[in-house]
Protein backbone atom coordinates (compact mmCIF):
# COMPACT_ATOMS: atom_id res chain seq x y z
CA MET A 1 9.12 11.79 37.55
CA ALA A 2 6.66 12.54 34.82
CA SER A 3 5.47 9.63 32.64
CA LYS A 4 6.84 9.48 29.04
CA PRO A 5 4.59 9.73 25.97
CA ILE A 6 3.88 6.38 24.33
CA TYR A 7 4.14 6.09 20.56
CA ARG A 8 2.39 3.06 19.05
CA VAL A 9 2.31 1.53 15.64
CA THR A 10 -0.22 -1.00 14.66
CA MET A 11 -0.13 -3.01 11.45
CA PHE A 12 -3.11 -4.98 10.09
CA LYS A 13 -3.43 -7.74 7.37
CA ILE A 14 -6.87 -7.20 5.83
CA PRO A 15 -7.05 -9.53 2.77
CA ASP A 16 -10.26 -7.97 1.14
CA PRO A 17 -9.38 -4.39 0.04
CA ALA A 18 -13.02 -3.44 0.50
CA ASN A 19 -12.65 -4.08 4.27
CA VAL A 20 -9.85 -1.52 4.72
CA GLN A 21 -12.09 1.65 4.25
CA PRO A 22 -14.42 0.90 7.35
CA MET A 23 -11.28 0.58 9.46
CA LEU A 24 -9.94 3.87 8.19
CA ASP A 25 -13.29 5.47 8.81
CA LYS A 26 -13.08 4.50 12.37
CA TYR A 27 -9.50 5.66 12.76
CA ALA A 28 -10.41 9.02 11.15
CA THR A 29 -12.48 9.95 14.24
CA MET A 30 -10.61 7.95 16.86
CA LYS A 31 -8.84 10.82 18.39
CA GLN A 32 -12.20 12.71 18.98
CA ASP A 33 -14.26 9.58 19.84
CA ALA A 34 -11.96 8.08 22.38
CA LYS A 35 -12.73 9.44 25.86
CA LYS A 36 -11.29 8.76 29.28
CA ASP A 37 -13.13 10.41 32.16
CA GLY A 38 -15.33 12.22 29.56
CA LYS A 39 -12.37 13.85 27.73
CA PRO A 40 -10.37 13.05 24.64
CA TYR A 41 -7.11 11.48 25.70
CA ILE A 42 -5.40 10.39 22.57
CA LEU A 43 -2.58 12.82 21.64
CA SER A 44 -2.49 11.94 17.88
CA CYS A 45 -4.00 9.19 15.61
CA VAL A 46 -3.18 8.73 11.93
CA ALA A 47 -3.82 5.65 9.72
CA GLY A 48 -3.54 4.77 6.12
CA ARG A 49 -3.31 2.14 3.45
CA ALA A 50 0.06 0.63 3.01
CA VAL A 51 1.63 1.31 -0.32
CA SER A 52 1.73 -1.85 -2.45
CA ASP A 53 5.23 -3.30 -2.02
CA PRO A 54 6.58 -6.78 -1.43
CA ARG A 55 8.18 -5.62 1.82
CA ASN A 56 4.82 -4.97 3.36
CA GLN A 57 4.56 -8.83 3.73
CA GLY A 58 0.86 -8.60 3.37
CA TYR A 59 0.13 -5.84 5.81
CA THR A 60 -2.37 -3.46 4.21
CA LEU A 61 -3.32 -0.90 7.02
CA TYR A 62 -0.92 1.01 9.19
CA ALA A 63 -1.86 3.15 12.20
CA GLN A 64 0.27 5.48 14.50
CA THR A 65 -1.31 6.57 17.82
CA SER A 66 0.30 8.41 20.66
CA PHE A 67 -0.74 8.63 24.22
CA ALA A 68 0.44 10.77 27.23
CA SER A 69 1.28 7.62 29.21
CA LEU A 70 1.51 3.85 29.25
CA GLU A 71 -1.53 3.98 31.56
CA ASP A 72 -3.46 5.68 28.82
CA MET A 73 -2.46 3.14 26.29
CA LYS A 74 -3.56 0.38 28.59
CA TYR A 75 -6.89 2.11 29.04
CA TYR A 76 -7.14 2.20 25.26
CA ASP A 77 -6.57 -1.51 25.04
CA GLU A 78 -8.75 -2.68 27.98
CA GLN A 79 -11.54 -0.14 28.37
CA CYS A 80 -11.90 2.37 25.61
CA GLU A 81 -15.36 2.14 23.91
CA ALA A 82 -14.12 3.74 20.70
CA HIS A 83 -11.28 1.15 20.41
CA GLN A 84 -13.84 -1.64 21.03
CA ALA A 85 -15.89 -0.18 18.25
CA LEU A 86 -12.83 -0.33 15.95
CA LYS A 87 -12.20 -3.96 16.90
CA ALA A 88 -15.93 -4.76 16.15
CA VAL A 89 -15.53 -3.33 12.68
CA GLY A 90 -12.47 -5.42 12.01
CA LYS A 91 -13.71 -8.62 13.53
CA GLY A 92 -13.54 -11.51 11.08
CA LYS A 93 -11.89 -9.22 8.46
CA VAL A 94 -8.46 -8.79 9.87
CA ASP A 95 -6.06 -11.70 9.77
CA PRO A 96 -5.09 -11.94 13.46
CA PRO A 97 -3.12 -10.95 15.19
CA PRO A 98 -2.20 -7.41 14.14
CA ILE A 99 1.30 -6.37 15.04
CA VAL A 100 1.46 -3.83 17.73
CA LEU A 101 4.73 -2.04 18.69
CA TYR A 102 5.02 0.76 21.09
CA MET A 103 7.95 2.88 22.46
CA ASP A 104 8.50 5.70 25.04
CA ASP A 105 11.92 6.68 23.89
CA VAL A 106 11.90 8.20 20.37
CA VAL A 107 13.98 10.54 18.32
CA ASN A 108 12.37 13.04 16.11
CA TRP A 109 8.70 11.98 16.39
CA HIS A 110 6.33 14.67 15.12
CA PRO A 111 2.75 13.78 15.83
């Protein structure tokens, strides 16, 4: 049985608005920069500032990333150099921990 694609949502609380843009800059090239076995492996990656709204509960940056498999997402979390570079940019600037949700059974996802 073929593996199901993984759809991941990550939300960050970044108190200083000036620290959001460097994270967005890293996300802007994540799909191209992230390599597994020398090849890009992220299916889609979009990120943006949260619209100011009390329902955000302080979350200021939102990212959606999709992977071909759970294995690819685990690689992203544990070994991907581009993801490590993103974490380095956010270190000390993001109120930990970010919220990470992922699913493999979605309706009407359009990456």
